Structures are given as structure tokens and as C-alpha cells.
């Protein structure tokens, strides 16, 4: 199933690249969240592939109403984001990806994040480690927050999140720097391969984090809620790191 997810993500990524810079229709979900024709075309391809190869599997997809598509066997669920970083994409900013994960009996067992602009494919299988374009990856060895490069995202309802500004300010002051790229899936993949040392964000959805969760775990990293308890893709917020700076991050985020 990992190879299936990889091939499907690459094909969906090609759809995104073909339409990149040539989008005519952009609609809104809410006041800010965008949907483009590329989101819909990419998702249609992924769903058609899954239904063709695994017709008994359920699907949780972003643009299809944010609900599980019926017909699943109760054990397998594909969690997909056909275009993570839609706002970037709509503005011609080349930081976006395809996100595909497979959940089996409540546990993520396959995760793929594909960045078509850089042709970088991050993949993980439960118990099999994580890779970037087929080569093993590991989280960073940074062991102090003061030496860490962090990344975050700004939630769409940032006006109503009073703690966000405090978290951002304190982590800016206590780390080497904080980046904001506009794609949570890429952020998490970069934690998995050691480009970033830690990540936190509020207001995310299962399809944003499902693949990244497995990538980070299989690369030796750590995920939790802000209070240190076990993380679930179905309930934000998220704190993720190389594990070595996790406690220091949580001191700020709690």
C-alpha cells in the first residue's frame, strides 16, 4: 500500500504542477480558506484511484465535505489532502504538496507527503522508517531550544486565539528562529528530515497532519499536545519535535 500511495501522490502532484500559475477559479470555504480547481482535480484523481484499487476502504478527504465517504470496511481509512498550501498555490508561491495517509484500525500505517515543485517525496510505513526520495531520514540532533530552528502556521481564526501571539513571541525569543511557510504537511516533513527542529500549530485538520505524524515518528521524533499528552490527528493543537527539545517547547506552549 505504500507504493500505491507514492504513485498516487506523484500523479496528483503532476496535476497540481500542470495547473500551477494558470488557476482561473478560486472559491472560499469560510472567510479566508480557499479552494481551487486544482484541489478538486487532485482529489478526484486520488479518490478514483483508491476506489478502483481498494473499493472497501473509507476515505476522509478535505474538499469532499470534510467527512468520511461511506462504504468503508470499518478498518481502513485513507486520509487525504489533495493540496496542502492552497493559499500559497493560489498566489503562485511554490510551497505546497499532496498528503496521503492510510489509517488501519485507528493507527496511521502509511504516510506520504509529495512536494512536486522540488520533486521531494517523503514516505513512511509503520515500523519501516521514513525516507526522502527513497533515502532514510532522521530528525535533527539539536538538543537545546536556543539552537533550534522552529516552524509554525497561522490558524485561520487567529483573531480568536489569544495565546498564539504569546507562544510565537516567546519561541522567537528562546530559539534560533521561527519560520512560517504556509503548509503544515511540508513543515512536518521537514521536522522528520531534520531541516526544522520543532513545529507547533493550532486549528489543523486530520488530513493536514496524518502523514506527517507517521513521518516524524518513524524518523525518531516526538508529537504531543501542549500539555505533553498523547496526540491524535483528530484533535488539535499539535507540538512536534526531534524529541530532544520537546520539553523546552512545552514549557512555553503549556
Protein backbone atom coordinates (compact mmCIF):
# COMPACT_ATOMS: atom_id res chain seq x y z
CA UNK A 1 0.00 0.00 0.00
CA UNK A 2 2.96 2.33 0.49
CA UNK A 3 3.92 2.03 -3.19
CA UNK A 4 0.32 2.70 -4.17
CA UNK A 5 0.29 5.86 -2.03
CA UNK A 6 3.61 7.00 -3.51
CA UNK A 7 2.49 6.52 -7.11
CA UNK A 8 -0.85 8.21 -6.44
CA UNK A 9 0.78 11.19 -4.72
CA UNK A 10 3.21 11.65 -7.61
CA UNK A 11 0.39 11.57 -10.15
CA UNK A 12 -1.69 14.03 -8.11
CA UNK A 13 1.37 16.26 -7.83
CA UNK A 14 1.70 16.32 -11.61
CA UNK A 15 -1.89 17.56 -11.82
CA UNK A 16 -1.02 20.40 -9.45
CA UNK A 17 2.09 21.36 -11.43
CA UNK A 18 0.16 21.36 -14.71
CA UNK A 19 -2.31 23.89 -13.29
CA UNK A 20 0.18 25.91 -11.23
CA UNK A 21 0.16 29.55 -12.32
CA UNK A 22 -2.88 29.01 -14.52
CA UNK A 23 -5.71 28.89 -11.98
CA UNK A 24 -8.88 30.67 -13.04
CA UNK A 25 -11.41 29.58 -10.41
CA UNK A 26 -10.82 30.20 -6.71
CA UNK A 27 -13.63 29.83 -4.20
CA UNK A 28 -13.79 30.22 -0.43
CA UNK A 29 -14.59 27.91 2.45
CA UNK A 30 -15.30 30.46 5.17
CA UNK A 31 -13.76 33.94 5.20
CA UNK A 32 -10.17 33.00 4.27
CA UNK A 33 -9.79 29.29 3.45
CA UNK A 34 -9.52 28.85 -0.32
CA UNK A 35 -10.39 26.06 -2.75
CA UNK A 36 -9.03 25.98 -6.30
CA UNK A 37 -9.85 23.87 -9.32
CA UNK A 38 -6.50 22.16 -8.72
CA UNK A 39 -7.61 20.97 -5.26
CA UNK A 40 -10.67 19.39 -6.79
CA UNK A 41 -8.84 17.80 -9.75
CA UNK A 42 -6.14 16.36 -7.49
CA UNK A 43 -8.69 15.00 -5.05
CA UNK A 44 -10.78 13.45 -7.83
CA UNK A 45 -7.71 11.58 -9.08
CA UNK A 46 -6.79 10.29 -5.62
CA UNK A 47 -10.33 9.20 -4.76
CA UNK A 48 -10.77 7.45 -8.12
CA UNK A 49 -7.53 5.53 -7.57
CA UNK A 50 -8.49 4.46 -4.07
CA UNK A 51 -11.97 3.39 -5.10
CA UNK A 52 -10.51 1.44 -8.01
CA UNK A 53 -7.80 -0.38 -6.03
CA UNK A 54 -9.38 -0.52 -2.56
CA UNK A 55 -13.14 -0.22 -3.00
CA UNK A 56 -13.87 -1.36 0.58
CA UNK A 57 -11.74 1.35 2.16
CA UNK A 58 -13.21 4.54 3.62
CA UNK A 59 -11.87 7.96 2.67
CA UNK A 60 -11.57 11.17 4.65
CA UNK A 61 -10.89 13.99 2.19
CA UNK A 62 -10.67 17.75 2.63
CA UNK A 63 -12.62 19.12 -0.29
CA UNK A 64 -15.37 16.48 -0.32
CA UNK A 65 -17.32 17.87 2.59
CA UNK A 66 -14.86 17.14 5.39
CA UNK A 67 -16.49 13.81 6.18
CA UNK A 68 -15.74 10.13 5.78
CA UNK A 69 -17.02 8.85 2.48
CA UNK A 70 -19.27 5.88 3.15
CA UNK A 71 -18.62 2.33 2.03
CA UNK A 72 -15.60 1.52 4.15
CA UNK A 73 -14.87 -1.83 5.76
CA UNK A 74 -14.53 -0.24 9.21
CA UNK A 75 -10.81 -1.00 9.42
CA UNK A 76 -9.13 1.01 6.65
CA UNK A 77 -9.42 4.74 6.07
CA UNK A 78 -7.44 6.89 3.65
CA UNK A 79 -6.90 10.42 4.98
CA UNK A 80 -6.03 12.72 2.09
CA UNK A 81 -5.26 16.36 1.42
CA UNK A 82 -5.05 16.84 -2.35
CA UNK A 83 -3.38 20.25 -1.97
CA UNK A 84 -1.91 21.38 1.32
CA UNK A 85 -0.92 25.02 0.99
CA UNK A 86 -3.82 26.16 -1.17
CA UNK A 87 -3.36 29.85 -0.37
CA UNK A 88 0.29 29.60 -1.42
CA UNK A 89 -0.75 27.80 -4.59
CA UNK A 90 -3.42 30.33 -5.49
CA UNK A 91 -0.87 33.16 -5.15
CA UNK A 92 1.82 31.40 -7.19
CA UNK A 93 4.04 30.75 -4.16
CA UNK A 94 5.72 27.36 -4.74
CA UNK A 95 5.27 25.81 -1.32
CA UNK A 96 2.52 23.18 -1.43
CA UNK A 97 2.14 19.41 -1.51
CA UNK A 98 -0.05 16.33 -1.72
CA UNK A 99 -0.71 14.48 1.53
CA UNK A 100 -1.89 10.85 1.65
CA UNK A 101 -2.11 8.62 4.72
CA UNK A 102 -3.70 5.26 5.50
CA UNK A 103 -5.22 4.54 8.88
CA UNK A 104 -5.76 0.90 9.90
CA UNK A 105 -7.85 0.21 12.99
CA UNK A 106 -7.22 3.73 14.26
CA UNK A 107 -3.46 3.76 13.65
CA UNK A 108 -1.61 5.53 10.82
CA UNK A 109 0.36 2.85 8.95
CA UNK A 110 1.28 4.65 5.71
CA UNK A 111 2.15 8.31 5.17
CA UNK A 112 3.27 10.15 2.04
CA UNK A 113 3.92 13.86 1.50
CA UNK A 114 4.91 14.90 -2.02
CA UNK A 115 6.23 18.35 -2.93
CA UNK A 116 6.05 18.47 -6.74
CA UNK A 117 7.92 21.77 -7.16
CA UNK A 118 11.07 20.25 -5.63
CA UNK A 119 10.24 16.67 -6.61
CA UNK A 120 10.67 15.64 -2.97
CA UNK A 121 8.69 12.65 -1.80
CA UNK A 122 8.62 11.88 1.91
CA UNK A 123 7.30 8.43 2.78
CA UNK A 124 6.87 6.26 5.85
CA UNK A 125 5.42 2.88 6.71
CA UNK A 126 4.71 1.83 10.28
CA UNK A 127 7.80 0.10 11.61
CA UNK A 128 9.72 0.65 8.39
CA UNK A 129 11.31 4.04 8.96
CA UNK A 130 10.95 7.25 6.96
CA UNK A 131 12.53 8.24 3.66
CA UNK A 132 13.05 11.19 1.33
CA UNK A 133 13.17 10.11 -2.31
CA UNK A 134 13.98 6.59 -1.14
CA UNK A 135 16.81 7.51 1.24
CA UNK A 136 16.39 7.12 5.04
CA UNK A 137 15.85 10.29 7.05
CA UNK A 138 16.17 11.14 10.74
CA UNK A 139 15.20 14.07 12.89
CA UNK A 140 17.89 16.55 13.90
CA UNK A 141 20.29 16.19 16.81
CA UNK A 142 19.74 19.72 18.15
CA UNK A 143 19.42 19.34 21.92
CA UNK A 144 18.77 22.93 23.09
CA UNK A 145 15.87 25.20 22.19
CA UNK A 146 18.27 28.11 21.91
CA UNK A 147 19.95 26.41 18.95
CA UNK A 148 16.73 25.25 17.30
CA UNK A 149 15.05 26.42 14.11
CA UNK A 150 11.29 26.15 14.56
CA UNK A 151 8.33 26.42 12.23
CA UNK A 152 4.65 27.17 12.74
CA UNK A 153 1.48 28.13 10.91
CA UNK A 154 -1.07 30.85 11.50
CA UNK A 155 -4.58 29.48 12.13
CA UNK A 156 -7.38 30.95 10.03
CA UNK A 157 -9.18 32.10 13.18
CA UNK A 158 -6.07 33.72 14.66
CA UNK A 159 -8.13 36.66 15.97
CA UNK A 160 -9.80 34.32 18.43
CA UNK A 161 -6.64 32.58 19.67
CA UNK A 162 -5.32 34.77 22.45
CA UNK A 163 -2.38 32.53 23.33
CA UNK A 164 -0.96 32.34 19.81
CA UNK A 165 0.85 35.69 19.92
CA UNK A 166 2.41 34.82 23.26
CA UNK A 167 3.59 31.43 22.03
CA UNK A 168 5.07 32.94 18.89
CA UNK A 169 6.84 35.75 20.72
CA UNK A 170 8.32 33.53 23.43
CA UNK A 171 9.53 30.88 21.00
CA UNK A 172 11.03 33.55 18.76
CA UNK A 173 12.97 34.88 21.74
CA UNK A 174 14.06 31.46 23.01
CA UNK A 175 15.03 29.79 19.71
CA UNK A 176 17.40 30.50 16.83
CA UNK A 177 14.44 31.45 14.67
CA UNK A 178 10.87 30.67 13.61
CA UNK A 179 9.67 30.18 10.04
CA UNK A 180 6.16 30.20 8.56
CA UNK A 181 5.77 28.58 5.12
CA UNK A 182 2.02 28.02 4.84
CA UNK A 183 1.98 24.23 4.54
CA UNK A 184 1.74 22.20 7.73
CA UNK A 185 2.41 18.98 5.85
CA UNK A 186 5.71 20.27 4.47
CA UNK A 187 6.59 21.70 7.90
CA UNK A 188 6.16 18.27 9.48
CA UNK A 189 8.10 16.53 6.72
CA UNK A 190 10.95 18.99 7.31
CA UNK A 191 10.95 18.14 11.02
CA UNK A 192 11.20 14.48 10.05
CA UNK A 193 14.27 15.07 7.86
CA UNK A 194 15.99 17.46 10.27
CA UNK A 195 15.55 20.75 8.41
CA UNK A 196 13.43 22.03 11.28
CA UNK A 197 13.88 21.04 14.91
CA UNK A 198 10.33 21.67 16.09
CA UNK A 199 6.82 22.57 14.94
CA UNK A 200 3.63 23.70 16.61
CA UNK A 201 0.25 24.80 15.29
CA UNK A 202 -3.40 25.18 16.24
CA UNK A 203 -6.57 24.60 14.27
CA UNK A 204 -5.33 21.85 11.95
CA UNK A 205 -7.41 19.01 10.49
CA UNK A 206 -6.69 15.27 10.26
CA UNK A 207 -5.67 15.47 6.59
CA UNK A 208 -3.11 18.17 7.41
CA UNK A 209 -1.19 16.06 9.92
CA UNK A 210 -1.88 12.36 9.33
CA UNK A 211 1.07 11.65 7.01
CA UNK A 212 3.40 13.96 8.93
CA UNK A 213 2.64 12.25 12.21
CA UNK A 214 3.94 8.94 10.90
CA UNK A 215 6.90 10.58 9.15
CA UNK A 216 8.07 12.21 12.38
CA UNK A 217 7.53 9.11 14.50
CA UNK A 218 9.36 6.85 12.05
CA UNK A 219 12.20 9.37 11.80
CA UNK A 220 12.70 9.26 15.58
CA UNK A 221 10.80 12.38 16.58
CA UNK A 222 8.03 13.12 19.04
CA UNK A 223 4.49 14.51 18.91
CA UNK A 224 2.12 15.54 21.69
CA UNK A 225 -0.44 18.04 22.79
CA UNK A 226 0.77 21.19 24.51
CA UNK A 227 0.35 19.53 27.90
CA UNK A 228 2.50 16.58 26.86
CA UNK A 229 -0.34 14.09 26.47
CA UNK A 230 -0.68 11.70 23.53
CA UNK A 231 -1.52 13.35 20.21
CA UNK A 232 -4.42 12.36 17.94
CA UNK A 233 -4.82 13.59 14.37
CA UNK A 234 -8.49 14.26 15.10
CA UNK A 235 -7.97 16.90 17.75
CA UNK A 236 -5.55 19.87 17.55
CA UNK A 237 -3.30 21.54 18.62
CA UNK A 238 -0.01 19.82 17.86
CA UNK A 239 3.56 20.07 19.13
CA UNK A 240 6.20 18.09 17.23
CA UNK A 241 9.95 17.99 17.52
CA UNK A 242 13.11 15.93 17.31
CA UNK A 243 12.30 14.84 20.87
CA UNK A 244 15.38 16.48 22.36
CA UNK A 245 13.88 19.96 22.60
CA UNK A 246 10.32 18.82 23.22
CA UNK A 247 10.22 19.54 26.95
CA UNK A 248 11.54 23.07 26.42
CA UNK A 249 8.93 23.75 23.74
CA UNK A 250 6.16 22.54 26.02
CA UNK A 251 7.33 24.86 28.80
CA UNK A 252 6.26 27.71 26.53
CA UNK A 253 3.17 26.12 24.98
CA UNK A 254 1.51 24.82 28.14
